[in-house]
Amino acid sequence: MPKIKTNRAAAKRFKKTGSGKFAYAKSHGSHILTKKTTKRKRSLRKKHITDKTNEKAIRLLLPNG
């Protein structure tokens, strides 16, 4: 029986938290920062938790955590 492969694109974007949820970094936080507000840039630095509707799909892409 072959091994289940991890989707490498998803592995680079999502990390599993201690409680089993998935964290990711939001986009638009690397360049053209002068026009963005301080509040918006501060929010982009944080890790965010995926929505519950997408959790099943991500779990299938990352079978080994």
N, C-alpha and C. Protein backbone atom coordinates (compact mmCIF):
# COMPACT_ATOMS: atom_id res chain seq x y z
N MET A 1 0.84 -1.19 0.00
CA MET A 1 0.00 0.00 0.00
C MET A 1 0.89 1.25 0.00
N PRO A 2 0.67 2.19 -0.92
CA PRO A 2 1.53 3.37 -0.95
C PRO A 2 1.24 4.33 0.20
N LYS A 3 2.25 5.12 0.51
CA LYS A 3 2.10 6.12 1.56
C LYS A 3 1.24 7.28 1.05
N ILE A 4 0.54 7.95 1.98
CA ILE A 4 -0.24 9.14 1.63
C ILE A 4 0.72 10.32 1.57
N LYS A 5 0.67 11.06 0.48
CA LYS A 5 1.57 12.19 0.32
C LYS A 5 0.95 13.48 0.84
N THR A 6 1.79 14.30 1.46
CA THR A 6 1.38 15.61 1.93
C THR A 6 1.43 16.58 0.75
N ASN A 7 0.45 17.45 0.64
CA ASN A 7 0.46 18.50 -0.38
C ASN A 7 1.47 19.55 0.07
N ARG A 8 2.57 19.68 -0.66
CA ARG A 8 3.67 20.55 -0.25
C ARG A 8 3.29 22.04 -0.26
N ALA A 9 2.43 22.42 -1.18
CA ALA A 9 1.99 23.83 -1.24
C ALA A 9 1.23 24.19 0.04
N ALA A 10 0.37 23.29 0.49
CA ALA A 10 -0.40 23.53 1.72
C ALA A 10 0.50 23.48 2.95
N ALA A 11 1.50 22.60 2.94
CA ALA A 11 2.41 22.47 4.07
C ALA A 11 3.21 23.75 4.31
N LYS A 12 3.49 24.49 3.23
CA LYS A 12 4.24 25.74 3.36
C LYS A 12 3.36 26.88 3.86
N ARG A 13 2.06 26.76 3.71
CA ARG A 13 1.15 27.84 4.07
C ARG A 13 0.44 27.67 5.41
N PHE A 14 0.24 26.43 5.84
CA PHE A 14 -0.52 26.16 7.06
C PHE A 14 0.31 25.41 8.08
N LYS A 15 0.13 25.75 9.36
CA LYS A 15 0.77 25.05 10.46
C LYS A 15 -0.32 24.62 11.44
N LYS A 16 -0.19 23.42 11.95
CA LYS A 16 -1.17 22.92 12.90
C LYS A 16 -0.86 23.47 14.29
N THR A 17 -1.88 23.97 14.98
CA THR A 17 -1.70 24.49 16.34
C THR A 17 -1.81 23.35 17.34
N GLY A 18 -1.54 23.65 18.59
CA GLY A 18 -1.61 22.64 19.64
C GLY A 18 -3.00 22.08 19.83
N SER A 19 -4.01 22.89 19.56
CA SER A 19 -5.40 22.44 19.74
C SER A 19 -5.96 21.74 18.50
N GLY A 20 -5.13 21.63 17.44
CA GLY A 20 -5.57 20.92 16.23
C GLY A 20 -6.14 21.80 15.14
N LYS A 21 -6.16 23.11 15.38
CA LYS A 21 -6.63 24.04 14.34
C LYS A 21 -5.46 24.36 13.41
N PHE A 22 -5.74 25.09 12.34
CA PHE A 22 -4.69 25.45 11.39
C PHE A 22 -4.47 26.96 11.36
N ALA A 23 -3.21 27.36 11.50
CA ALA A 23 -2.85 28.77 11.47
C ALA A 23 -2.18 29.09 10.14
N TYR A 24 -2.36 30.33 9.69
CA TYR A 24 -1.75 30.78 8.44
C TYR A 24 -1.43 32.26 8.53
N ALA A 25 -0.56 32.72 7.65
CA ALA A 25 -0.22 34.15 7.59
C ALA A 25 -1.03 34.80 6.49
N LYS A 26 -1.54 35.99 6.78
CA LYS A 26 -2.32 36.71 5.77
C LYS A 26 -1.41 37.32 4.71
N SER A 27 -1.97 37.57 3.54
CA SER A 27 -1.21 38.14 2.43
C SER A 27 -1.16 39.66 2.52
N HIS A 28 -0.44 40.28 1.60
CA HIS A 28 -0.30 41.73 1.46
C HIS A 28 0.53 42.39 2.56
N GLY A 29 1.38 41.66 3.23
CA GLY A 29 2.14 42.24 4.33
C GLY A 29 3.62 42.40 4.06
N SER A 30 4.06 42.24 2.79
CA SER A 30 5.50 42.26 2.52
C SER A 30 6.01 43.50 1.80
N HIS A 31 5.21 44.14 0.97
CA HIS A 31 5.68 45.33 0.27
C HIS A 31 4.54 46.31 0.03
N ILE A 32 4.88 47.51 -0.45
CA ILE A 32 3.96 48.64 -0.60
C ILE A 32 3.25 48.90 0.75
N LEU A 33 4.07 49.09 1.78
CA LEU A 33 3.54 49.24 3.14
C LEU A 33 3.27 50.70 3.52
N THR A 34 3.73 51.64 2.70
CA THR A 34 3.57 53.05 3.07
C THR A 34 2.12 53.50 3.05
N LYS A 35 1.33 52.97 2.16
CA LYS A 35 -0.08 53.39 2.07
C LYS A 35 -1.00 52.63 3.02
N LYS A 36 -0.48 51.60 3.65
CA LYS A 36 -1.30 50.82 4.59
C LYS A 36 -1.21 51.43 5.98
N THR A 37 -2.32 51.38 6.70
CA THR A 37 -2.35 51.96 8.05
C THR A 37 -1.55 51.10 9.01
N THR A 38 -1.11 51.71 10.10
CA THR A 38 -0.35 51.01 11.13
C THR A 38 -1.16 49.85 11.70
N LYS A 39 -2.45 50.10 11.91
CA LYS A 39 -3.34 49.07 12.45
C LYS A 39 -3.42 47.87 11.52
N ARG A 40 -3.53 48.15 10.22
CA ARG A 40 -3.63 47.08 9.21
C ARG A 40 -2.33 46.26 9.15
N LYS A 41 -1.18 46.94 9.18
CA LYS A 41 0.12 46.26 9.13
C LYS A 41 0.34 45.41 10.38
N ARG A 42 -0.09 45.92 11.52
CA ARG A 42 0.04 45.18 12.78
C ARG A 42 -0.80 43.91 12.73
N SER A 43 -1.99 43.99 12.14
CA SER A 43 -2.87 42.83 12.00
C SER A 43 -2.28 41.79 11.07
N LEU A 44 -1.58 42.24 10.03
CA LEU A 44 -0.98 41.33 9.07
C LEU A 44 0.21 40.54 9.63
N ARG A 45 0.81 41.06 10.71
CA ARG A 45 1.94 40.36 11.33
C ARG A 45 1.51 39.10 12.07
N LYS A 46 0.27 39.10 12.55
CA LYS A 46 -0.22 37.99 13.37
C LYS A 46 -0.57 36.77 12.54
N LYS A 47 -0.55 35.62 13.18
CA LYS A 47 -1.04 34.39 12.56
C LYS A 47 -2.55 34.36 12.75
N HIS A 48 -3.25 33.85 11.78
CA HIS A 48 -4.70 33.78 11.83
C HIS A 48 -5.14 32.32 11.77
N ILE A 49 -6.30 32.03 12.30
CA ILE A 49 -6.84 30.67 12.32
C ILE A 49 -7.80 30.50 11.14
N THR A 50 -7.72 29.34 10.49
CA THR A 50 -8.59 29.09 9.34
C THR A 50 -10.04 28.96 9.78
N ASP A 51 -10.94 29.22 8.86
CA ASP A 51 -12.36 29.11 9.12
C ASP A 51 -12.73 27.63 9.23
N LYS A 52 -13.76 27.34 9.99
CA LYS A 52 -14.17 25.95 10.21
C LYS A 52 -14.64 25.28 8.93
N THR A 53 -15.17 26.06 7.98
CA THR A 53 -15.66 25.49 6.72
C THR A 53 -14.52 24.94 5.85
N ASN A 54 -13.31 25.48 6.01
CA ASN A 54 -12.16 25.03 5.21
C ASN A 54 -11.30 24.00 5.92
N GLU A 55 -11.59 23.72 7.18
CA GLU A 55 -10.74 22.85 7.98
C GLU A 55 -10.64 21.42 7.44
N LYS A 56 -11.75 20.88 6.96
CA LYS A 56 -11.76 19.51 6.44
C LYS A 56 -10.87 19.39 5.21
N ALA A 57 -10.94 20.37 4.32
CA ALA A 57 -10.13 20.37 3.10
C ALA A 57 -8.64 20.44 3.43
N ILE A 58 -8.28 21.26 4.40
CA ILE A 58 -6.87 21.39 4.78
C ILE A 58 -6.38 20.11 5.45
N ARG A 59 -7.23 19.48 6.24
CA ARG A 59 -6.86 18.23 6.89
C ARG A 59 -6.56 17.14 5.87
N LEU A 60 -7.29 17.13 4.75
CA LEU A 60 -7.03 16.16 3.69
C LEU A 60 -5.71 16.44 2.97
N LEU A 61 -5.36 17.72 2.84
CA LEU A 61 -4.10 18.10 2.20
C LEU A 61 -2.89 17.82 3.08
N LEU A 62 -3.11 17.86 4.40
CA LEU A 62 -2.03 17.63 5.36
C LEU A 62 -2.35 16.42 6.23
N PRO A 63 -2.27 15.21 5.67
CA PRO A 63 -2.67 14.02 6.43
C PRO A 63 -1.77 13.72 7.64
N ASN A 64 -0.51 14.15 7.60
CA ASN A 64 0.42 13.84 8.69
C ASN A 64 0.64 15.01 9.63
N GLY A 65 -0.23 16.00 9.55
CA GLY A 65 -0.11 17.15 10.44
C GLY A 65 0.84 18.12 9.89
